[in-house]
Amino acid sequence: MKETQTSETTPEQLLQMLDARIAMSRARASGAGRHRATLLVGGVLFIFIAAGVALVVLAQMTSDLPHGKRPPTAQAVSLNGEKY
């Protein structure tokens, strides 16, 4: 059988390795925070632009509606048969 060799590391070396891993983890987390903030700002901006476009479309649709009273149609009949 093949024996595996274990390297003896000192506590100072272990501490340095741990510090390096913590620094890498912090750097990765700060990059993700900036990405998340950018995504939030973009999402809010998209919502405002979509709401503005919806309001413009609604205003255009309501301006195309006929104004004034329409004469009653000949088909306007109530439930008991009386015409209005």
PDB file of N, CA and C in Angstrom:
ATOM      1  N   MET A   1       0.839  -1.176   0.000  1.00  0.00           N
ATOM      2  CA  MET A   1       0.000   0.000   0.000  1.00  0.00           C
ATOM      3  C   MET A   1       0.882   1.237   0.000  1.00  0.00           C
ATOM      4  N   LYS A   2       0.343   2.259  -0.553  1.00  0.00           N
ATOM      5  CA  LYS A   2       1.079   3.505  -0.637  1.00  0.00           C
ATOM      6  C   LYS A   2       0.734   4.367   0.569  1.00  0.00           C
ATOM      7  N   GLU A   3       1.710   4.874   1.221  1.00  0.00           N
ATOM      8  CA  GLU A   3       1.468   5.725   2.379  1.00  0.00           C
ATOM      9  C   GLU A   3       1.385   7.177   1.925  1.00  0.00           C
ATOM     10  N   THR A   4       0.422   7.882   2.480  1.00  0.00           N
ATOM     11  CA  THR A   4       0.297   9.298   2.160  1.00  0.00           C
ATOM     12  C   THR A   4       1.133  10.084   3.141  1.00  0.00           C
ATOM     13  N   GLN A   5       1.790  11.074   2.621  1.00  0.00           N
ATOM     14  CA  GLN A   5       2.628  11.894   3.489  1.00  0.00           C
ATOM     15  C   GLN A   5       1.838  13.120   3.901  1.00  0.00           C
ATOM     16  N   THR A   6       1.880  13.418   5.147  1.00  0.00           N
ATOM     17  CA  THR A   6       1.217  14.614   5.647  1.00  0.00           C
ATOM     18  C   THR A   6       2.282  15.648   5.912  1.00  0.00           C
ATOM     19  N   SER A   7       1.999  16.845   5.495  1.00  0.00           N
ATOM     20  CA  SER A   7       2.964  17.918   5.743  1.00  0.00           C
ATOM     21  C   SER A   7       2.622  18.572   7.064  1.00  0.00           C
ATOM     22  N   GLU A   8       3.609  18.746   7.845  1.00  0.00           N
ATOM     23  CA  GLU A   8       3.428  19.400   9.137  1.00  0.00           C
ATOM     24  C   GLU A   8       3.451  20.902   8.918  1.00  0.00           C
ATOM     25  N   THR A   9       2.328  21.554   9.253  1.00  0.00           N
ATOM     26  CA  THR A   9       2.267  23.004   9.125  1.00  0.00           C
ATOM     27  C   THR A   9       2.222  23.605  10.516  1.00  0.00           C
ATOM     28  N   THR A  10       2.811  24.736  10.616  1.00  0.00           N
ATOM     29  CA  THR A  10       2.850  25.414  11.909  1.00  0.00           C
ATOM     30  C   THR A  10       1.557  26.192  12.095  1.00  0.00           C
ATOM     31  N   PRO A  11       1.232  26.535  13.307  1.00  0.00           N
ATOM     32  CA  PRO A  11       0.025  27.344  13.539  1.00  0.00           C
ATOM     33  C   PRO A  11       0.071  28.693  12.820  1.00  0.00           C
ATOM     34  N   GLU A  12       1.256  29.253  12.664  1.00  0.00           N
ATOM     35  CA  GLU A  12       1.369  30.538  11.959  1.00  0.00           C
ATOM     36  C   GLU A  12       1.010  30.378  10.483  1.00  0.00           C
ATOM     37  N   GLN A  13       1.437  29.268   9.878  1.00  0.00           N
ATOM     38  CA  GLN A  13       1.105  29.022   8.488  1.00  0.00           C
ATOM     39  C   GLN A  13      -0.394  28.783   8.311  1.00  0.00           C
ATOM     40  N   LEU A  14      -0.987  28.053   9.243  1.00  0.00           N
ATOM     41  CA  LEU A  14      -2.437  27.837   9.191  1.00  0.00           C
ATOM     42  C   LEU A  14      -3.190  29.148   9.316  1.00  0.00           C
ATOM     43  N   LEU A  15      -2.708  30.031  10.181  1.00  0.00           N
ATOM     44  CA  LEU A  15      -3.349  31.329  10.364  1.00  0.00           C
ATOM     45  C   LEU A  15      -3.234  32.179   9.105  1.00  0.00           C
ATOM     46  N   GLN A  16      -2.088  32.129   8.439  1.00  0.00           N
ATOM     47  CA  GLN A  16      -1.911  32.877   7.200  1.00  0.00           C
ATOM     48  C   GLN A  16      -2.836  32.337   6.106  1.00  0.00           C
ATOM     49  N   MET A  17      -2.959  31.027   6.024  1.00  0.00           N
ATOM     50  CA  MET A  17      -3.858  30.437   5.037  1.00  0.00           C
ATOM     51  C   MET A  17      -5.304  30.830   5.310  1.00  0.00           C
ATOM     52  N   LEU A  18      -5.681  30.821   6.572  1.00  0.00           N
ATOM     53  CA  LEU A  18      -7.036  31.206   6.945  1.00  0.00           C
ATOM     54  C   LEU A  18      -7.302  32.670   6.620  1.00  0.00           C
ATOM     55  N   ASP A  19      -6.327  33.539   6.905  1.00  0.00           N
ATOM     56  CA  ASP A  19      -6.480  34.958   6.575  1.00  0.00           C
ATOM     57  C   ASP A  19      -6.633  35.170   5.072  1.00  0.00           C
ATOM     58  N   ALA A  20      -5.882  34.413   4.290  1.00  0.00           N
ATOM     59  CA  ALA A  20      -5.971  34.542   2.833  1.00  0.00           C
ATOM     60  C   ALA A  20      -7.348  34.112   2.340  1.00  0.00           C
ATOM     61  N   ARG A  21      -7.873  33.027   2.900  1.00  0.00           N
ATOM     62  CA  ARG A  21      -9.205  32.567   2.481  1.00  0.00           C
ATOM     63  C   ARG A  21     -10.292  33.548   2.900  1.00  0.00           C
ATOM     64  N   ILE A  22     -10.166  34.123   4.082  1.00  0.00           N
ATOM     65  CA  ILE A  22     -11.152  35.118   4.525  1.00  0.00           C
ATOM     66  C   ILE A  22     -11.104  36.338   3.628  1.00  0.00           C
ATOM     67  N   ALA A  23      -9.908  36.783   3.238  1.00  0.00           N
ATOM     68  CA  ALA A  23      -9.780  37.942   2.350  1.00  0.00           C
ATOM     69  C   ALA A  23     -10.410  37.663   0.991  1.00  0.00           C
ATOM     70  N   MET A  24     -10.195  36.453   0.463  1.00  0.00           N
ATOM     71  CA  MET A  24     -10.814  36.098  -0.819  1.00  0.00           C
ATOM     72  C   MET A  24     -12.329  36.069  -0.701  1.00  0.00           C
ATOM     73  N   SER A  25     -12.831  35.560   0.406  1.00  0.00           N
ATOM     74  CA  SER A  25     -14.279  35.496   0.607  1.00  0.00           C
ATOM     75  C   SER A  25     -14.882  36.887   0.706  1.00  0.00           C
ATOM     76  N   ARG A  26     -14.208  37.795   1.400  1.00  0.00           N
ATOM     77  CA  ARG A  26     -14.699  39.173   1.516  1.00  0.00           C
ATOM     78  C   ARG A  26     -14.683  39.878   0.178  1.00  0.00           C
ATOM     79  N   ALA A  27     -13.634  39.666  -0.609  1.00  0.00           N
ATOM     80  CA  ALA A  27     -13.554  40.297  -1.932  1.00  0.00           C
ATOM     81  C   ALA A  27     -14.685  39.799  -2.829  1.00  0.00           C
ATOM     82  N   ARG A  28     -14.977  38.515  -2.765  1.00  0.00           N
ATOM     83  CA  ARG A  28     -16.054  37.945  -3.564  1.00  0.00           C
ATOM     84  C   ARG A  28     -17.406  38.496  -3.120  1.00  0.00           C
ATOM     85  N   ALA A  29     -17.601  38.652  -1.811  1.00  0.00           N
ATOM     86  CA  ALA A  29     -18.883  39.140  -1.292  1.00  0.00           C
ATOM     87  C   ALA A  29     -19.098  40.610  -1.637  1.00  0.00           C
ATOM     88  N   SER A  30     -18.051  41.417  -1.626  1.00  0.00           N
ATOM     89  CA  SER A  30     -18.223  42.839  -1.950  1.00  0.00           C
ATOM     90  C   SER A  30     -18.560  43.015  -3.424  1.00  0.00           C
ATOM     91  N   GLY A  31     -18.022  42.188  -4.283  1.00  0.00           N
ATOM     92  CA  GLY A  31     -18.369  42.247  -5.704  1.00  0.00           C
ATOM     93  C   GLY A  31     -19.813  41.875  -5.935  1.00  0.00           C
ATOM     94  N   ALA A  32     -20.310  40.907  -5.194  1.00  0.00           N
ATOM     95  CA  ALA A  32     -21.711  40.496  -5.336  1.00  0.00           C
ATOM     96  C   ALA A  32     -22.648  41.590  -4.834  1.00  0.00           C
ATOM     97  N   GLY A  33     -22.246  42.329  -3.815  1.00  0.00           N
ATOM     98  CA  GLY A  33     -23.081  43.416  -3.300  1.00  0.00           C
ATOM     99  C   GLY A  33     -23.249  44.531  -4.306  1.00  0.00           C
ATOM    100  N   ARG A  34     -22.177  44.849  -5.016  1.00  0.00           N
ATOM    101  CA  ARG A  34     -22.265  45.893  -6.049  1.00  0.00           C
ATOM    102  C   ARG A  34     -23.156  45.418  -7.196  1.00  0.00           C
ATOM    103  N   HIS A  35     -23.045  44.157  -7.545  1.00  0.00           N
ATOM    104  CA  HIS A  35     -23.877  43.614  -8.621  1.00  0.00           C
ATOM    105  C   HIS A  35     -25.349  43.633  -8.212  1.00  0.00           C
ATOM    106  N   ARG A  36     -25.622  43.316  -6.962  1.00  0.00           N
ATOM    107  CA  ARG A  36     -27.001  43.312  -6.475  1.00  0.00           C
ATOM    108  C   ARG A  36     -27.581  44.724  -6.484  1.00  0.00           C
ATOM    109  N   ALA A  37     -26.795  45.715  -6.089  1.00  0.00           N
ATOM    110  CA  ALA A  37     -27.272  47.098  -6.087  1.00  0.00           C
ATOM    111  C   ALA A  37     -27.562  47.570  -7.506  1.00  0.00           C
ATOM    112  N   THR A  38     -26.705  47.210  -8.442  1.00  0.00           N
ATOM    113  CA  THR A  38     -26.930  47.585  -9.841  1.00  0.00           C
ATOM    114  C   THR A  38     -28.207  46.945 -10.372  1.00  0.00           C
ATOM    115  N   LEU A  39     -28.422  45.705 -10.014  1.00  0.00           N
ATOM    116  CA  LEU A  39     -29.626  45.010 -10.458  1.00  0.00           C
ATOM    117  C   LEU A  39     -30.880  45.650  -9.864  1.00  0.00           C
ATOM    118  N   LEU A  40     -30.829  46.047  -8.605  1.00  0.00           N
ATOM    119  CA  LEU A  40     -31.981  46.709  -7.979  1.00  0.00           C
ATOM    120  C   LEU A  40     -32.288  48.047  -8.644  1.00  0.00           C
ATOM    121  N   VAL A  41     -31.267  48.852  -8.883  1.00  0.00           N
ATOM    122  CA  VAL A  41     -31.481  50.157  -9.520  1.00  0.00           C
ATOM    123  C   VAL A  41     -32.043  49.964 -10.921  1.00  0.00           C
ATOM    124  N   GLY A  42     -31.508  49.004 -11.658  1.00  0.00           N
ATOM    125  CA  GLY A  42     -32.023  48.729 -12.998  1.00  0.00           C
ATOM    126  C   GLY A  42     -33.466  48.267 -12.968  1.00  0.00           C
ATOM    127  N   GLY A  43     -33.822  47.442 -11.985  1.00  0.00           N
ATOM    128  CA  GLY A  43     -35.196  46.966 -11.871  1.00  0.00           C
ATOM    129  C   GLY A  43     -36.178  48.086 -11.566  1.00  0.00           C
ATOM    130  N   VAL A  44     -35.798  48.964 -10.652  1.00  0.00           N
ATOM    131  CA  VAL A  44     -36.676  50.093 -10.303  1.00  0.00           C
ATOM    132  C   VAL A  44     -36.821  51.030 -11.497  1.00  0.00           C
ATOM    133  N   LEU A  45     -35.724  51.274 -12.201  1.00  0.00           N
ATOM    134  CA  LEU A  45     -35.778  52.130 -13.386  1.00  0.00           C
ATOM    135  C   LEU A  45     -36.680  51.519 -14.455  1.00  0.00           C
ATOM    136  N   PHE A  46     -36.586  50.216 -14.646  1.00  0.00           N
ATOM    137  CA  PHE A  46     -37.444  49.528 -15.615  1.00  0.00           C
ATOM    138  C   PHE A  46     -38.913  49.673 -15.229  1.00  0.00           C
ATOM    139  N   ILE A  47     -39.229  49.544 -13.947  1.00  0.00           N
ATOM    140  CA  ILE A  47     -40.624  49.665 -13.494  1.00  0.00           C
ATOM    141  C   ILE A  47     -41.161  51.062 -13.779  1.00  0.00           C
ATOM    142  N   PHE A  48     -40.352  52.096 -13.495  1.00  0.00           N
ATOM    143  CA  PHE A  48     -40.804  53.467 -13.747  1.00  0.00           C
ATOM    144  C   PHE A  48     -41.007  53.730 -15.238  1.00  0.00           C
ATOM    145  N   ILE A  49     -40.114  53.239 -16.066  1.00  0.00           N
ATOM    146  CA  ILE A  49     -40.257  53.446 -17.506  1.00  0.00           C
ATOM    147  C   ILE A  49     -41.486  52.704 -18.030  1.00  0.00           C
ATOM    148  N   ALA A  50     -41.698  51.468 -17.560  1.00  0.00           N
ATOM    149  CA  ALA A  50     -42.871  50.703 -17.992  1.00  0.00           C
ATOM    150  C   ALA A  50     -44.165  51.386 -17.546  1.00  0.00           C
ATOM    151  N   ALA A  51     -44.181  51.941 -16.345  1.00  0.00           N
ATOM    152  CA  ALA A  51     -45.379  52.648 -15.874  1.00  0.00           C
ATOM    153  C   ALA A  51     -45.636  53.897 -16.717  1.00  0.00           C
ATOM    154  N   GLY A  52     -44.585  54.617 -17.080  1.00  0.00           N
ATOM    155  CA  GLY A  52     -44.747  55.796 -17.935  1.00  0.00           C
ATOM    156  C   GLY A  52     -45.292  55.442 -19.304  1.00  0.00           C
ATOM    157  N   VAL A  53     -44.765  54.372 -19.884  1.00  0.00           N
ATOM    158  CA  VAL A  53     -45.257  53.937 -21.192  1.00  0.00           C
ATOM    159  C   VAL A  53     -46.720  53.509 -21.092  1.00  0.00           C
ATOM    160  N   ALA A  54     -47.070  52.809 -20.017  1.00  0.00           N
ATOM    161  CA  ALA A  54     -48.458  52.387 -19.835  1.00  0.00           C
ATOM    162  C   ALA A  54     -49.388  53.596 -19.703  1.00  0.00           C
ATOM    163  N   LEU A  55     -48.941  54.625 -19.015  1.00  0.00           N
ATOM    164  CA  LEU A  55     -49.770  55.833 -18.888  1.00  0.00           C
ATOM    165  C   LEU A  55     -49.951  56.536 -20.229  1.00  0.00           C
ATOM    166  N   VAL A  56     -48.905  56.582 -21.023  1.00  0.00           N
ATOM    167  CA  VAL A  56     -49.016  57.218 -22.345  1.00  0.00           C
ATOM    168  C   VAL A  56     -49.979  56.426 -23.228  1.00  0.00           C
ATOM    169  N   VAL A  57     -49.878  55.102 -23.201  1.00  0.00           N
ATOM    170  CA  VAL A  57     -50.778  54.267 -23.998  1.00  0.00           C
ATOM    171  C   VAL A  57     -52.214  54.438 -23.510  1.00  0.00           C
ATOM    172  N   LEU A  58     -52.430  54.471 -22.208  1.00  0.00           N
ATOM    173  CA  LEU A  58     -53.777  54.662 -21.671  1.00  0.00           C
ATOM    174  C   LEU A  58     -54.336  56.027 -22.056  1.00  0.00           C
ATOM    175  N   ALA A  59     -53.513  57.064 -22.010  1.00  0.00           N
ATOM    176  CA  ALA A  59     -53.976  58.399 -22.396  1.00  0.00           C
ATOM    177  C   ALA A  59     -54.360  58.427 -23.878  1.00  0.00           C
ATOM    178  N   GLN A  60     -53.588  57.751 -24.707  1.00  0.00           N
ATOM    179  CA  GLN A  60     -53.909  57.700 -26.140  1.00  0.00           C
ATOM    180  C   GLN A  60     -55.203  56.930 -26.386  1.00  0.00           C
ATOM    181  N   MET A  61     -55.389  55.844 -25.666  1.00  0.00           N
ATOM    182  CA  MET A  61     -56.607  55.056 -25.846  1.00  0.00           C
ATOM    183  C   MET A  61     -57.839  55.830 -25.383  1.00  0.00           C
ATOM    184  N   THR A  62     -57.738  56.562 -24.291  1.00  0.00           N
ATOM    185  CA  THR A  62     -58.901  57.313 -23.817  1.00  0.00           C
ATOM    186  C   THR A  62     -59.174  58.519 -24.697  1.00  0.00           C
ATOM    187  N   SER A  63     -58.159  59.071 -25.353  1.00  0.00           N
ATOM    188  CA  SER A  63     -58.425  60.209 -26.241  1.00  0.00           C
ATOM    189  C   SER A  63     -59.114  59.758 -27.521  1.00  0.00           C
ATOM    190  N   ASP A  64     -58.990  58.486 -27.867  1.00  0.00           N
ATOM    191  CA  ASP A  64     -59.647  57.966 -29.063  1.00  0.00           C
ATOM    192  C   ASP A  64     -61.102  57.590 -28.822  1.00  0.00           C
ATOM    193  N   LEU A  65     -61.549  57.577 -27.583  1.00  0.00           N
ATOM    194  CA  LEU A  65     -62.942  57.231 -27.289  1.00  0.00           C
ATOM    195  C   LEU A  65     -63.874  58.338 -27.769  1.00  0.00           C
ATOM    196  N   PRO A  66     -65.085  57.977 -28.209  1.00  0.00           N
ATOM    197  CA  PRO A  66     -66.040  59.018 -28.625  1.00  0.00           C
ATOM    198  C   PRO A  66     -66.536  59.804 -27.405  1.00  0.00           C
ATOM    199  N   HIS A  67     -66.725  61.084 -27.619  1.00  0.00           N
ATOM    200  CA  HIS A  67     -67.195  61.952 -26.528  1.00  0.00           C
ATOM    201  C   HIS A  67     -68.668  62.262 -26.722  1.00  0.00           C
ATOM    202  N   GLY A  68     -69.346  62.577 -25.636  1.00  0.00           N
ATOM    203  CA  GLY A  68     -70.760  62.908 -25.716  1.00  0.00           C
ATOM    204  C   GLY A  68     -71.627  61.686 -25.525  1.00  0.00           C
ATOM    205  N   LYS A  69     -72.954  61.948 -25.517  1.00  0.00           N
ATOM    206  CA  LYS A  69     -73.898  60.852 -25.308  1.00  0.00           C
ATOM    207  C   LYS A  69     -74.185  60.157 -26.616  1.00  0.00           C
ATOM    208  N   ARG A  70     -74.337  58.861 -26.518  1.00  0.00           N
ATOM    209  CA  ARG A  70     -74.729  58.088 -27.688  1.00  0.00           C
ATOM    210  C   ARG A  70     -76.239  57.861 -27.625  1.00  0.00           C
ATOM    211  N   PRO A  71     -76.911  57.865 -28.761  1.00  0.00           N
ATOM    212  CA  PRO A  71     -78.349  57.574 -28.741  1.00  0.00           C
ATOM    213  C   PRO A  71     -78.554  56.106 -28.370  1.00  0.00           C
ATOM    214  N   PRO A  72     -79.629  55.812 -27.674  1.00  0.00           N
ATOM    215  CA  PRO A  72     -79.877  54.423 -27.288  1.00  0.00           C
ATOM    216  C   PRO A  72     -80.136  53.569 -28.525  1.00  0.00           C
ATOM    217  N   THR A  73     -79.712  52.361 -28.449  1.00  0.00           N
ATOM    218  CA  THR A  73     -79.908  51.468 -29.585  1.00  0.00           C
ATOM    219  C   THR A  73     -81.310  50.877 -29.544  1.00  0.00           C
ATOM    220  N   ALA A  74     -81.753  50.324 -30.655  1.00  0.00           N
ATOM    221  CA  ALA A  74     -83.087  49.727 -30.734  1.00  0.00           C
ATOM    222  C   ALA A  74     -83.135  48.420 -29.951  1.00  0.00           C
ATOM    223  N   GLN A  75     -82.014  47.846 -29.628  1.00  0.00           N
ATOM    224  CA  GLN A  75     -81.956  46.583 -28.919  1.00  0.00           C
ATOM    225  C   GLN A  75     -82.001  46.755 -27.399  1.00  0.00           C
ATOM    226  N   ALA A  76     -82.045  47.996 -26.894  1.00  0.00           N
ATOM    227  CA  ALA A  76     -82.032  48.226 -25.454  1.00  0.00           C
ATOM    228  C   ALA A  76     -83.373  47.839 -24.854  1.00  0.00           C
ATOM    229  N   VAL A  77     -83.458  46.678 -24.261  1.00  0.00           N
ATOM    230  CA  VAL A  77     -84.701  46.159 -23.698  1.00  0.00           C
ATOM    231  C   VAL A  77     -84.403  45.696 -22.285  1.00  0.00           C
ATOM    232  N   SER A  78     -85.309  46.004 -21.366  1.00  0.00           N
ATOM    233  CA  SER A  78     -85.103  45.556 -19.988  1.00  0.00           C
ATOM    234  C   SER A  78     -85.598  44.124 -19.843  1.00  0.00           C
ATOM    235  N   LEU A  79     -85.517  43.609 -18.642  1.00  0.00           N
ATOM    236  CA  LEU A  79     -85.885  42.218 -18.400  1.00  0.00           C
ATOM    237  C   LEU A  79     -87.391  41.965 -18.584  1.00  0.00           C
ATOM    238  N   ASN A  80     -88.253  42.929 -18.273  1.00  0.00           N
ATOM    239  CA  ASN A  80     -89.693  42.693 -18.378  1.00  0.00           C
ATOM    240  C   ASN A  80     -90.262  43.170 -19.731  1.00  0.00           C
ATOM    241  N   GLY A  81     -89.405  43.442 -20.698  1.00  0.00           N
ATOM    242  CA  GLY A  81     -89.876  43.719 -22.058  1.00  0.00           C
ATOM    243  C   GLY A  81     -90.118  45.171 -22.388  1.00  0.00           C
ATOM    244  N   GLU A  82     -89.897  46.090 -21.478  1.00  0.00           N
ATOM    245  CA  GLU A  82     -90.125  47.500 -21.766  1.00  0.00           C
ATOM    246  C   GLU A  82     -88.893  48.098 -22.422  1.00  0.00           C
ATOM    247  N   LYS A  83     -89.135  48.928 -23.452  1.00  0.00           N
ATOM    248  CA  LYS A  83     -88.023  49.611 -24.107  1.00  0.00           C
ATOM    249  C   LYS A  83     -87.712  50.899 -23.411  1.00  0.00           C
ATOM    250  N   TYR A  84     -86.461  51.239 -23.436  1.00  0.00           N
ATOM    251  CA  TYR A  84     -86.044  52.526 -22.839  1.00  0.00           C
ATOM    252  C   TYR A  84     -85.526  53.454 -23.890  1.00  0.00           C
TER     253      TYR A  84
END
